[in-house]
Amino acid sequence: MKISGRPHIGDVAEGIAARLPGQWSVTVDVYSHPVWQEDLVPLLWDAGELAQAVQTARIPCAAVLTDGADTELLLIERPGHRQDYLVGAFAPEGFDDNYEEPHAPSSIVIPGTAQPAAHAITDRFLPACHQAVPARRIAVIASALERVREESEAWEAIKASGRYSDGRPLTAGVLPGAEEAFADLSWYAFCDVLHHALAVLERCRPADLVVPGKAVALDRLAGALARGEEVIADWNSRRITPRALPAESYADAKAERDALMRPVIETWLADGDAFLRQARAVTPASPSAPSGQGRALTGLPPALPAPPGSAPARR
């Protein structure tokens, strides 16, 4: 099979994958309808030409290279260039809002020849990806802690004043519901900390890298993180949902969960700043997205109704 007079992109990808470090697998996706390639847009984590090409040019097919762990790459023919290809990254699992994410690595241009292409990916692109992930994790954790802190401070102010921010009185009848709403906000925001903190905390453990005087704080955070993970694991294993339990039993289970999670969250609010300072001190800055790059889906052919049996989203 030939595409635009080039070798089949799967053959190109297989040649590259065979020369990358580790064990890589290759799959080929065909976008025979223009709307199918749009599924790639929210999944790509890219500050370079690849994301722009997917949004503004017709991409008939692509190859996905996966290392079996947490790195997944997209390879496409470079639009307007007969010999070149573009390779970039999908966002690792556990990240949302990849669109114009400031820590995203930039895709690179590679030749269709396997050896130099693999060298470029190994020497330039993969190190940039691996450098960007911990920086993004730190940003996600910092944002989650800030959201929880803001909600906590706002809720304490409401309780102290007896009124909501719009002046409505906080009556005894609405207090339980308001407490539950605050607990839910804290729970969902703190799940980002639980998902990403362990990987970052492990980088902060060597004794010679610990911010002076903060080793005890990091130990407290590690212990709280372990307890939080136990709470999450127990909650998930019990499959507690509003449909599975009567309303009263579900409310009791949530109240128990929130009570167990509260000291975990409080510990991270108290010592989180020390953690973030240490994490940033040991994490190189990630490549930032270049400014002024258009992201709108303006260059695709006019959208048509998807034909029967349209390709499903990759994830």
C-alpha atoms as a PDB file:
ATOM      1  CA  MET A   1       0.000   0.000   0.000  1.00  0.00           C
ATOM      2  CA  LYS A   2       1.280   3.474  -0.911  1.00  0.00           C
ATOM      3  CA  ILE A   3       0.204   6.817   0.523  1.00  0.00           C
ATOM      4  CA  SER A   4       1.235   9.937  -1.447  1.00  0.00           C
ATOM      5  CA  GLY A   5       3.995   7.976  -3.154  1.00  0.00           C
ATOM      6  CA  ARG A   6       5.688   7.202   0.150  1.00  0.00           C
ATOM      7  CA  PRO A   7       6.356   3.872   1.840  1.00  0.00           C
ATOM      8  CA  HIS A   8       3.491   2.619   3.974  1.00  0.00           C
ATOM      9  CA  ILE A   9       3.678   4.532   7.251  1.00  0.00           C
ATOM     10  CA  GLY A  10       3.448   1.287   9.211  1.00  0.00           C
ATOM     11  CA  ASP A  11       6.655   0.052   7.587  1.00  0.00           C
ATOM     12  CA  VAL A  12       8.380   3.338   8.434  1.00  0.00           C
ATOM     13  CA  ALA A  13       7.184   3.134  12.036  1.00  0.00           C
ATOM     14  CA  GLU A  14       8.252  -0.505  12.401  1.00  0.00           C
ATOM     15  CA  GLY A  15      11.757   0.354  11.218  1.00  0.00           C
ATOM     16  CA  ILE A  16      12.007   3.181  13.725  1.00  0.00           C
ATOM     17  CA  ALA A  17      10.506   1.178  16.599  1.00  0.00           C
ATOM     18  CA  ALA A  18      13.028  -1.611  16.098  1.00  0.00           C
ATOM     19  CA  ARG A  19      15.848   0.877  16.753  1.00  0.00           C
ATOM     20  CA  LEU A  20      14.385   2.630  19.792  1.00  0.00           C
ATOM     21  CA  PRO A  21      15.547   1.619  23.288  1.00  0.00           C
ATOM     22  CA  GLY A  22      13.270  -0.952  24.898  1.00  0.00           C
ATOM     23  CA  GLN A  23      10.381  -2.865  23.396  1.00  0.00           C
ATOM     24  CA  TRP A  24       8.052  -0.853  21.174  1.00  0.00           C
ATOM     25  CA  SER A  25       4.886  -1.909  19.375  1.00  0.00           C
ATOM     26  CA  VAL A  26       3.301  -0.228  16.351  1.00  0.00           C
ATOM     27  CA  THR A  27      -0.304   0.157  15.259  1.00  0.00           C
ATOM     28  CA  VAL A  28      -1.627   2.057  12.250  1.00  0.00           C
ATOM     29  CA  ASP A  29      -4.781   4.187  12.354  1.00  0.00           C
ATOM     30  CA  VAL A  30      -6.527   5.132   9.098  1.00  0.00           C
ATOM     31  CA  TYR A  31      -8.658   8.289   9.072  1.00  0.00           C
ATOM     32  CA  SER A  32     -10.697   7.723   5.935  1.00  0.00           C
ATOM     33  CA  HIS A  33     -13.144  10.416   7.048  1.00  0.00           C
ATOM     34  CA  PRO A  34     -11.923  13.890   8.073  1.00  0.00           C
ATOM     35  CA  VAL A  35     -13.780  13.932  11.381  1.00  0.00           C
ATOM     36  CA  TRP A  36     -11.942  10.854  12.606  1.00  0.00           C
ATOM     37  CA  GLN A  37      -8.610  12.636  12.916  1.00  0.00           C
ATOM     38  CA  GLU A  38     -10.225  15.235  15.162  1.00  0.00           C
ATOM     39  CA  ASP A  39     -10.347  12.556  17.863  1.00  0.00           C
ATOM     40  CA  LEU A  40      -6.567  12.970  18.136  1.00  0.00           C
ATOM     41  CA  VAL A  41      -6.722  16.637  19.149  1.00  0.00           C
ATOM     42  CA  PRO A  42      -7.610  16.282  22.866  1.00  0.00           C
ATOM     43  CA  LEU A  43      -5.229  13.329  23.267  1.00  0.00           C
ATOM     44  CA  LEU A  44      -2.088  14.936  21.844  1.00  0.00           C
ATOM     45  CA  TRP A  45       0.346  16.590  24.237  1.00  0.00           C
ATOM     46  CA  ASP A  46       2.325  18.748  21.883  1.00  0.00           C
ATOM     47  CA  ALA A  47       3.579  22.305  21.608  1.00  0.00           C
ATOM     48  CA  GLY A  48       4.893  21.981  18.076  1.00  0.00           C
ATOM     49  CA  GLU A  49       4.086  21.320  14.464  1.00  0.00           C
ATOM     50  CA  LEU A  50       2.360  17.955  14.931  1.00  0.00           C
ATOM     51  CA  ALA A  51      -0.648  19.313  16.834  1.00  0.00           C
ATOM     52  CA  GLN A  52      -0.951  22.151  14.359  1.00  0.00           C
ATOM     53  CA  ALA A  53      -0.830  19.749  11.411  1.00  0.00           C
ATOM     54  CA  VAL A  54      -3.507  17.472  12.887  1.00  0.00           C
ATOM     55  CA  GLN A  55      -5.787  20.476  13.302  1.00  0.00           C
ATOM     56  CA  THR A  56      -5.166  22.224   9.998  1.00  0.00           C
ATOM     57  CA  ALA A  57      -4.260  19.576   7.405  1.00  0.00           C
ATOM     58  CA  ARG A  58      -5.757  16.357   6.107  1.00  0.00           C
ATOM     59  CA  ILE A  59      -4.067  13.395   7.795  1.00  0.00           C
ATOM     60  CA  PRO A  60      -5.148  10.167   6.021  1.00  0.00           C
ATOM     61  CA  CYS A  61      -3.312   7.826   8.397  1.00  0.00           C
ATOM     62  CA  ALA A  62      -0.859   7.709  11.283  1.00  0.00           C
ATOM     63  CA  ALA A  63       1.235   5.241  13.238  1.00  0.00           C
ATOM     64  CA  VAL A  64       1.173   4.915  17.019  1.00  0.00           C
ATOM     65  CA  LEU A  65       4.361   3.710  18.739  1.00  0.00           C
ATOM     66  CA  THR A  66       3.975   2.419  22.300  1.00  0.00           C
ATOM     67  CA  ASP A  67       6.725   1.353  24.692  1.00  0.00           C
ATOM     68  CA  GLY A  68       4.441  -0.791  26.840  1.00  0.00           C
ATOM     69  CA  ALA A  69       4.865   1.527  29.839  1.00  0.00           C
ATOM     70  CA  ASP A  70       3.731   5.130  29.757  1.00  0.00           C
ATOM     71  CA  THR A  71       5.079   6.571  26.496  1.00  0.00           C
ATOM     72  CA  GLU A  72       2.921   6.677  23.395  1.00  0.00           C
ATOM     73  CA  LEU A  73       4.018   8.501  20.250  1.00  0.00           C
ATOM     74  CA  LEU A  74       2.200   9.574  17.091  1.00  0.00           C
ATOM     75  CA  LEU A  75       3.973   9.490  13.723  1.00  0.00           C
ATOM     76  CA  ILE A  76       2.503  11.189  10.638  1.00  0.00           C
ATOM     77  CA  GLU A  77       3.710  12.272   7.225  1.00  0.00           C
ATOM     78  CA  ARG A  78       4.698  15.918   7.393  1.00  0.00           C
ATOM     79  CA  PRO A  79       2.166  17.874   5.317  1.00  0.00           C
ATOM     80  CA  GLY A  80       3.725  19.678   2.351  1.00  0.00           C
ATOM     81  CA  HIS A  81       7.030  17.781   2.573  1.00  0.00           C
ATOM     82  CA  ARG A  82       7.616  14.678   0.486  1.00  0.00           C
ATOM     83  CA  GLN A  83      10.353  13.127   2.623  1.00  0.00           C
ATOM     84  CA  ASP A  84       9.806  14.283   6.222  1.00  0.00           C
ATOM     85  CA  TYR A  85       7.699  12.952   9.080  1.00  0.00           C
ATOM     86  CA  LEU A  86       6.478  14.432  12.355  1.00  0.00           C
ATOM     87  CA  VAL A  87       6.569  12.625  15.678  1.00  0.00           C
ATOM     88  CA  GLY A  88       5.037  13.801  18.924  1.00  0.00           C
ATOM     89  CA  ALA A  89       3.519  12.475  22.131  1.00  0.00           C
ATOM     90  CA  PHE A  90       0.135  11.566  23.488  1.00  0.00           C
ATOM     91  CA  ALA A  91      -0.515  12.724  27.037  1.00  0.00           C
ATOM     92  CA  PRO A  92       0.354  10.115  29.680  1.00  0.00           C
ATOM     93  CA  GLU A  93      -2.494   8.491  31.560  1.00  0.00           C
ATOM     94  CA  GLY A  94      -3.950  10.593  34.356  1.00  0.00           C
ATOM     95  CA  PHE A  95      -3.729  13.982  32.666  1.00  0.00           C
ATOM     96  CA  ASP A  96      -6.611  16.071  31.344  1.00  0.00           C
ATOM     97  CA  ASP A  97      -6.736  19.405  29.536  1.00  0.00           C
ATOM     98  CA  ASN A  98      -3.855  18.635  27.171  1.00  0.00           C
ATOM     99  CA  TYR A  99      -4.884  21.398  24.776  1.00  0.00           C
ATOM    100  CA  GLU A 100      -2.203  24.128  24.835  1.00  0.00           C
ATOM    101  CA  GLU A 101      -0.786  22.679  28.054  1.00  0.00           C
ATOM    102  CA  PRO A 102       2.300  24.802  28.890  1.00  0.00           C
ATOM    103  CA  HIS A 103       4.585  21.890  29.828  1.00  0.00           C
ATOM    104  CA  ALA A 104       4.029  19.977  26.603  1.00  0.00           C
ATOM    105  CA  PRO A 105       7.141  18.874  24.678  1.00  0.00           C
ATOM    106  CA  SER A 106       7.451  19.979  21.067  1.00  0.00           C
ATOM    107  CA  SER A 107       7.137  17.423  18.285  1.00  0.00           C
ATOM    108  CA  ILE A 108      10.127  17.067  15.985  1.00  0.00           C
ATOM    109  CA  VAL A 109      10.709  16.593  12.269  1.00  0.00           C
ATOM    110  CA  ILE A 110      12.405  13.321  11.369  1.00  0.00           C
ATOM    111  CA  PRO A 111      13.427  11.650   8.098  1.00  0.00           C
ATOM    112  CA  GLY A 112      11.844   8.476   6.810  1.00  0.00           C
ATOM    113  CA  THR A 113      15.137   6.620   7.195  1.00  0.00           C
ATOM    114  CA  ALA A 114      14.887   4.438  10.283  1.00  0.00           C
ATOM    115  CA  GLN A 115      18.330   4.839  11.855  1.00  0.00           C
ATOM    116  CA  PRO A 116      18.607   8.657  11.897  1.00  0.00           C
ATOM    117  CA  ALA A 117      14.919   8.961  12.807  1.00  0.00           C
ATOM    118  CA  ALA A 118      15.377   6.641  15.796  1.00  0.00           C
ATOM    119  CA  HIS A 119      18.485   8.562  16.859  1.00  0.00           C
ATOM    120  CA  ALA A 120      16.562  11.856  16.780  1.00  0.00           C
ATOM    121  CA  ILE A 121      13.722  10.405  18.855  1.00  0.00           C
ATOM    122  CA  THR A 122      16.087   8.764  21.342  1.00  0.00           C
ATOM    123  CA  ASP A 123      18.502  11.673  21.734  1.00  0.00           C
ATOM    124  CA  ARG A 124      16.120  14.633  21.488  1.00  0.00           C
ATOM    125  CA  PHE A 125      12.463  13.842  21.771  1.00  0.00           C
ATOM    126  CA  LEU A 126      12.210  11.161  24.459  1.00  0.00           C
ATOM    127  CA  PRO A 127      14.428  13.087  26.928  1.00  0.00           C
ATOM    128  CA  ALA A 128      12.204  16.139  26.431  1.00  0.00           C
ATOM    129  CA  CYS A 129       9.097  14.015  27.086  1.00  0.00           C
ATOM    130  CA  HIS A 130      10.562  12.426  30.199  1.00  0.00           C
ATOM    131  CA  GLN A 131      11.611  15.849  31.467  1.00  0.00           C
ATOM    132  CA  ALA A 132       8.193  17.362  30.865  1.00  0.00           C
ATOM    133  CA  VAL A 133       6.168  14.730  32.748  1.00  0.00           C
ATOM    134  CA  PRO A 134       7.414  15.451  36.302  1.00  0.00           C
ATOM    135  CA  ALA A 135       7.155  19.193  35.710  1.00  0.00           C
ATOM    136  CA  ARG A 136       3.547  18.726  34.668  1.00  0.00           C
ATOM    137  CA  ARG A 137       2.842  16.484  37.654  1.00  0.00           C
ATOM    138  CA  ILE A 138       4.114  19.214  39.981  1.00  0.00           C
ATOM    139  CA  ALA A 139       1.878  21.779  38.280  1.00  0.00           C
ATOM    140  CA  VAL A 140      -1.169  19.513  38.623  1.00  0.00           C
ATOM    141  CA  ILE A 141      -0.453  18.895  42.315  1.00  0.00           C
ATOM    142  CA  ALA A 142       0.094  22.599  42.986  1.00  0.00           C
ATOM    143  CA  SER A 143      -3.180  23.467  41.252  1.00  0.00           C
ATOM    144  CA  ALA A 144      -5.100  20.801  43.178  1.00  0.00           C
ATOM    145  CA  LEU A 145      -3.720  21.949  46.530  1.00  0.00           C
ATOM    146  CA  GLU A 146      -4.551  25.551  45.675  1.00  0.00           C
ATOM    147  CA  ARG A 147      -8.142  24.605  44.816  1.00  0.00           C
ATOM    148  CA  VAL A 148      -8.566  22.654  48.038  1.00  0.00           C
ATOM    149  CA  ARG A 149      -7.005  25.461  50.097  1.00  0.00           C
ATOM    150  CA  GLU A 150      -9.224  28.100  48.508  1.00  0.00           C
ATOM    151  CA  GLU A 151     -12.350  26.018  49.077  1.00  0.00           C
ATOM    152  CA  SER A 152     -11.308  25.297  52.664  1.00  0.00           C
ATOM    153  CA  GLU A 153     -10.648  28.952  53.460  1.00  0.00           C
ATOM    154  CA  ALA A 154     -13.892  30.035  51.807  1.00  0.00           C
ATOM    155  CA  TRP A 155     -15.884  27.427  53.721  1.00  0.00           C
ATOM    156  CA  GLU A 156     -14.298  28.384  57.045  1.00  0.00           C
ATOM    157  CA  ALA A 157     -15.127  32.040  56.343  1.00  0.00           C
ATOM    158  CA  ILE A 158     -18.738  31.118  55.548  1.00  0.00           C
ATOM    159  CA  LYS A 159     -19.084  29.141  58.769  1.00  0.00           C
ATOM    160  CA  ALA A 160     -17.494  31.921  60.815  1.00  0.00           C
ATOM    161  CA  SER A 161     -19.777  34.589  59.349  1.00  0.00           C
ATOM    162  CA  GLY A 162     -22.878  32.441  59.138  1.00  0.00           C
ATOM    163  CA  ARG A 163     -23.486  33.675  55.599  1.00  0.00           C
ATOM    164  CA  TYR A 164     -22.634  32.668  52.061  1.00  0.00           C
ATOM    165  CA  SER A 165     -20.542  35.037  49.958  1.00  0.00           C
ATOM    166  CA  ASP A 166     -23.720  36.446  48.393  1.00  0.00           C
ATOM    167  CA  GLY A 167     -25.114  37.319  51.821  1.00  0.00           C
ATOM    168  CA  ARG A 168     -27.578  34.449  52.173  1.00  0.00           C
ATOM    169  CA  PRO A 169     -27.712  33.086  55.722  1.00  0.00           C
ATOM    170  CA  LEU A 170     -26.178  29.695  56.432  1.00  0.00           C
ATOM    171  CA  THR A 171     -29.067  28.111  58.276  1.00  0.00           C
ATOM    172  CA  ALA A 172     -28.955  24.914  60.266  1.00  0.00           C
ATOM    173  CA  GLY A 173     -31.125  23.206  57.682  1.00  0.00           C
ATOM    174  CA  VAL A 174     -28.656  23.719  54.806  1.00  0.00           C
ATOM    175  CA  LEU A 175     -25.478  23.159  56.818  1.00  0.00           C
ATOM    176  CA  PRO A 176     -25.230  19.370  56.247  1.00  0.00           C
ATOM    177  CA  GLY A 177     -25.712  19.774  52.509  1.00  0.00           C
ATOM    178  CA  ALA A 178     -23.140  22.547  52.366  1.00  0.00           C
ATOM    179  CA  GLU A 179     -20.667  20.444  54.365  1.00  0.00           C
ATOM    180  CA  GLU A 180     -21.188  17.565  51.919  1.00  0.00           C
ATOM    181  CA  ALA A 181     -20.677  19.838  48.913  1.00  0.00           C
ATOM    182  CA  PHE A 182     -17.400  21.121  50.351  1.00  0.00           C
ATOM    183  CA  ALA A 183     -16.235  17.565  51.086  1.00  0.00           C
ATOM    184  CA  ASP A 184     -17.036  16.520  47.512  1.00  0.00           C
ATOM    185  CA  LEU A 185     -15.056  19.429  46.066  1.00  0.00           C
ATOM    186  CA  SER A 186     -12.090  18.574  48.282  1.00  0.00           C
ATOM    187  CA  TRP A 187     -12.315  14.875  47.404  1.00  0.00           C
ATOM    188  CA  TYR A 188     -12.310  15.368  43.639  1.00  0.00           C
ATOM    189  CA  ALA A 189      -9.569  17.996  43.694  1.00  0.00           C
ATOM    190  CA  PHE A 190      -7.366  15.954  46.015  1.00  0.00           C
ATOM    191  CA  CYS A 191      -7.641  12.881  43.801  1.00  0.00           C
ATOM    192  CA  ASP A 192      -5.162  14.655  41.484  1.00  0.00           C
ATOM    193  CA  VAL A 193      -2.678  14.805  44.350  1.00  0.00           C
ATOM    194  CA  LEU A 194      -3.151  11.122  45.126  1.00  0.00           C
ATOM    195  CA  HIS A 195      -2.699  10.182  41.469  1.00  0.00           C
ATOM    196  CA  HIS A 196       0.521  12.106  40.848  1.00  0.00           C
ATOM    197  CA  ALA A 197       2.244  12.787  44.163  1.00  0.00           C
ATOM    198  CA  LEU A 198       3.940   9.435  44.714  1.00  0.00           C
ATOM    199  CA  ALA A 199       5.943   9.653  41.475  1.00  0.00           C
ATOM    200  CA  VAL A 200       7.093  13.161  42.393  1.00  0.00           C
ATOM    201  CA  LEU A 201       7.713  12.372  46.052  1.00  0.00           C
ATOM    202  CA  GLU A 202      10.054   9.541  45.092  1.00  0.00           C
ATOM    203  CA  ARG A 203      12.290  12.115  43.380  1.00  0.00           C
ATOM    204  CA  CYS A 204      12.446  14.121  46.607  1.00  0.00           C
ATOM    205  CA  ARG A 205      13.657  11.363  48.889  1.00  0.00           C
ATOM    206  CA  PRO A 206      17.491  11.291  48.516  1.00  0.00           C
ATOM    207  CA  ALA A 207      18.962  12.749  51.700  1.00  0.00           C
ATOM    208  CA  ASP A 208      21.374  15.046  49.880  1.00  0.00           C
ATOM    209  CA  LEU A 209      18.496  16.652  47.945  1.00  0.00           C
ATOM    210  CA  VAL A 210      16.078  17.311  50.790  1.00  0.00           C
ATOM    211  CA  VAL A 211      15.440  21.001  51.474  1.00  0.00           C
ATOM    212  CA  PRO A 212      17.125  21.632  54.857  1.00  0.00           C
ATOM    213  CA  GLY A 213      14.807  20.974  57.760  1.00  0.00           C
ATOM    214  CA  LYS A 214      12.027  19.547  55.591  1.00  0.00           C
ATOM    215  CA  ALA A 215      12.772  15.819  55.754  1.00  0.00           C
ATOM    216  CA  VAL A 216      10.226  15.335  58.553  1.00  0.00           C
ATOM    217  CA  ALA A 217       7.587  17.169  56.534  1.00  0.00           C
ATOM    218  CA  LEU A 218       8.237  14.933  53.536  1.00  0.00           C
ATOM    219  CA  ASP A 219       7.896  11.881  55.761  1.00  0.00           C
ATOM    220  CA  ARG A 220       4.550  13.161  57.025  1.00  0.00           C
ATOM    221  CA  LEU A 221       3.390  13.704  53.455  1.00  0.00           C
ATOM    222  CA  ALA A 222       4.474  10.212  52.430  1.00  0.00           C
ATOM    223  CA  GLY A 223       2.555   8.687  55.339  1.00  0.00           C
ATOM    224  CA  ALA A 224      -0.544  10.747  54.576  1.00  0.00           C
ATOM    225  CA  LEU A 225      -0.308   9.793  50.913  1.00  0.00           C
ATOM    226  CA  ALA A 226      -0.235   6.095  51.820  1.00  0.00           C
ATOM    227  CA  ARG A 227      -3.308   6.509  54.013  1.00  0.00           C
ATOM    228  CA  GLY A 228      -5.109   8.404  51.266  1.00  0.00           C
ATOM    229  CA  GLU A 229      -4.358   5.676  48.764  1.00  0.00           C
ATOM    230  CA  GLU A 230      -5.798   3.117  51.191  1.00  0.00           C
ATOM    231  CA  VAL A 231      -8.995   5.156  51.451  1.00  0.00           C
ATOM    232  CA  ILE A 232      -9.269   5.393  47.672  1.00  0.00           C
ATOM    233  CA  ALA A 233      -8.571   1.669  47.214  1.00  0.00           C
ATOM    234  CA  ASP A 234     -11.173   0.720  49.808  1.00  0.00           C
ATOM    235  CA  TRP A 235     -13.781   3.044  48.296  1.00  0.00           C
ATOM    236  CA  ASN A 236     -13.187   1.681  44.793  1.00  0.00           C
ATOM    237  CA  SER A 237     -13.147  -1.960  45.912  1.00  0.00           C
ATOM    238  CA  ARG A 238     -16.520  -1.579  47.613  1.00  0.00           C
ATOM    239  CA  ARG A 239     -18.025  -0.086  44.429  1.00  0.00           C
ATOM    240  CA  ILE A 240     -20.034   2.411  46.430  1.00  0.00           C
ATOM    241  CA  THR A 241     -22.445   4.314  44.187  1.00  0.00           C
ATOM    242  CA  PRO A 242     -25.818   6.028  44.675  1.00  0.00           C
ATOM    243  CA  ARG A 243     -27.424   3.218  42.652  1.00  0.00           C
ATOM    244  CA  ALA A 244     -25.829   0.421  44.660  1.00  0.00           C
ATOM    245  CA  LEU A 245     -26.959   1.622  48.102  1.00  0.00           C
ATOM    246  CA  PRO A 246     -30.008   3.244  49.660  1.00  0.00           C
ATOM    247  CA  ALA A 247     -29.620   7.011  49.957  1.00  0.00           C
ATOM    248  CA  GLU A 248     -28.995   6.943  53.711  1.00  0.00           C
ATOM    249  CA  SER A 249     -26.385   4.175  53.486  1.00  0.00           C
ATOM    250  CA  TYR A 250     -24.615   5.946  50.636  1.00  0.00           C
ATOM    251  CA  ALA A 251     -24.514   9.189  52.634  1.00  0.00           C
ATOM    252  CA  ASP A 252     -23.101   7.349  55.651  1.00  0.00           C
ATOM    253  CA  ALA A 253     -20.416   5.696  53.513  1.00  0.00           C
ATOM    254  CA  LYS A 254     -19.419   9.052  52.021  1.00  0.00           C
ATOM    255  CA  ALA A 255     -19.280  10.655  55.452  1.00  0.00           C
ATOM    256  CA  GLU A 256     -16.987   7.866  56.668  1.00  0.00           C
ATOM    257  CA  ARG A 257     -14.770   8.248  53.580  1.00  0.00           C
ATOM    258  CA  ASP A 258     -14.545  12.020  54.000  1.00  0.00           C
ATOM    259  CA  ALA A 259     -13.708  11.714  57.693  1.00  0.00           C
ATOM    260  CA  LEU A 260     -10.830   9.366  56.874  1.00  0.00           C
ATOM    261  CA  MET A 261      -9.582  11.616  54.087  1.00  0.00           C
ATOM    262  CA  ARG A 262      -9.779  14.869  56.054  1.00  0.00           C
ATOM    263  CA  PRO A 263      -6.507  14.435  58.034  1.00  0.00           C
ATOM    264  CA  VAL A 264      -4.766  13.357  54.827  1.00  0.00           C
ATOM    265  CA  ILE A 265      -5.844  16.560  53.081  1.00  0.00           C
ATOM    266  CA  GLU A 266      -4.980  18.676  56.118  1.00  0.00           C
ATOM    267  CA  THR A 267      -1.461  17.236  56.218  1.00  0.00           C
ATOM    268  CA  TRP A 268      -0.919  18.051  52.543  1.00  0.00           C
ATOM    269  CA  LEU A 269      -2.267  21.569  52.998  1.00  0.00           C
ATOM    270  CA  ALA A 270       0.072  22.099  55.944  1.00  0.00           C
ATOM    271  CA  ASP A 271       3.251  20.689  54.365  1.00  0.00           C
ATOM    272  CA  GLY A 272       2.466  20.971  50.667  1.00  0.00           C
ATOM    273  CA  ASP A 273       4.510  24.132  50.148  1.00  0.00           C
ATOM    274  CA  ALA A 274       7.651  22.408  51.439  1.00  0.00           C
ATOM    275  CA  PHE A 275       6.976  19.510  49.090  1.00  0.00           C
ATOM    276  CA  LEU A 276       6.509  21.815  46.096  1.00  0.00           C
ATOM    277  CA  ARG A 277       9.726  23.741  46.834  1.00  0.00           C
ATOM    278  CA  GLN A 278      11.691  20.512  47.068  1.00  0.00           C
ATOM    279  CA  ALA A 279      10.055  19.003  43.991  1.00  0.00           C
ATOM    280  CA  ARG A 280      10.770  22.083  41.902  1.00  0.00           C
ATOM    281  CA  ALA A 281      14.339  22.212  43.150  1.00  0.00           C
ATOM    282  CA  VAL A 282      15.089  18.701  41.869  1.00  0.00           C
ATOM    283  CA  THR A 283      13.047  18.880  38.643  1.00  0.00           C
ATOM    284  CA  PRO A 284      14.459  20.597  35.560  1.00  0.00           C
ATOM    285  CA  ALA A 285      12.163  23.058  33.861  1.00  0.00           C
ATOM    286  CA  SER A 286      10.201  21.444  31.048  1.00  0.00           C
ATOM    287  CA  PRO A 287      10.118  22.801  27.501  1.00  0.00           C
ATOM    288  CA  SER A 288       7.387  25.412  27.188  1.00  0.00           C
ATOM    289  CA  ALA A 289       5.009  25.769  24.300  1.00  0.00           C
ATOM    290  CA  PRO A 290       6.035  28.404  21.747  1.00  0.00           C
ATOM    291  CA  SER A 291       3.727  31.374  21.616  1.00  0.00           C
ATOM    292  CA  GLY A 292       1.548  32.436  18.749  1.00  0.00           C
ATOM    293  CA  GLN A 293       0.711  29.016  17.356  1.00  0.00           C
ATOM    294  CA  GLY A 294      -2.837  28.730  16.101  1.00  0.00           C
ATOM    295  CA  ARG A 295      -4.871  25.852  17.451  1.00  0.00           C
ATOM    296  CA  ALA A 296      -8.259  26.221  15.803  1.00  0.00           C
ATOM    297  CA  LEU A 297      -9.597  23.512  13.557  1.00  0.00           C
ATOM    298  CA  THR A 298      -9.752  25.901  10.621  1.00  0.00           C
ATOM    299  CA  GLY A 299      -7.967  24.045   7.853  1.00  0.00           C
ATOM    300  CA  LEU A 300      -9.800  20.745   7.772  1.00  0.00           C
ATOM    301  CA  PRO A 301     -12.162  19.992   4.933  1.00  0.00           C
ATOM    302  CA  PRO A 302     -15.798  20.869   5.727  1.00  0.00           C
ATOM    303  CA  ALA A 303     -17.186  18.446   8.269  1.00  0.00           C
ATOM    304  CA  LEU A 304     -19.607  15.856   6.959  1.00  0.00           C
ATOM    305  CA  PRO A 305     -21.824  13.454   8.872  1.00  0.00           C
ATOM    306  CA  ALA A 306     -19.700  10.508  10.000  1.00  0.00           C
ATOM    307  CA  PRO A 307     -20.349   7.448   7.866  1.00  0.00           C
ATOM    308  CA  PRO A 308     -21.723   4.240   9.382  1.00  0.00           C
ATOM    309  CA  GLY A 309     -19.138   2.272  11.326  1.00  0.00           C
ATOM    310  CA  SER A 310     -16.978   5.318  11.968  1.00  0.00           C
ATOM    311  CA  ALA A 311     -13.682   4.748  13.713  1.00  0.00           C
ATOM    312  CA  PRO A 312     -13.978   4.886  17.498  1.00  0.00           C
ATOM    313  CA  ALA A 313     -11.855   7.177  19.627  1.00  0.00           C
ATOM    314  CA  ARG A 314      -8.533   5.597  20.497  1.00  0.00           C
ATOM    315  CA  ARG A 315      -9.172   5.768  24.220  1.00  0.00           C
END
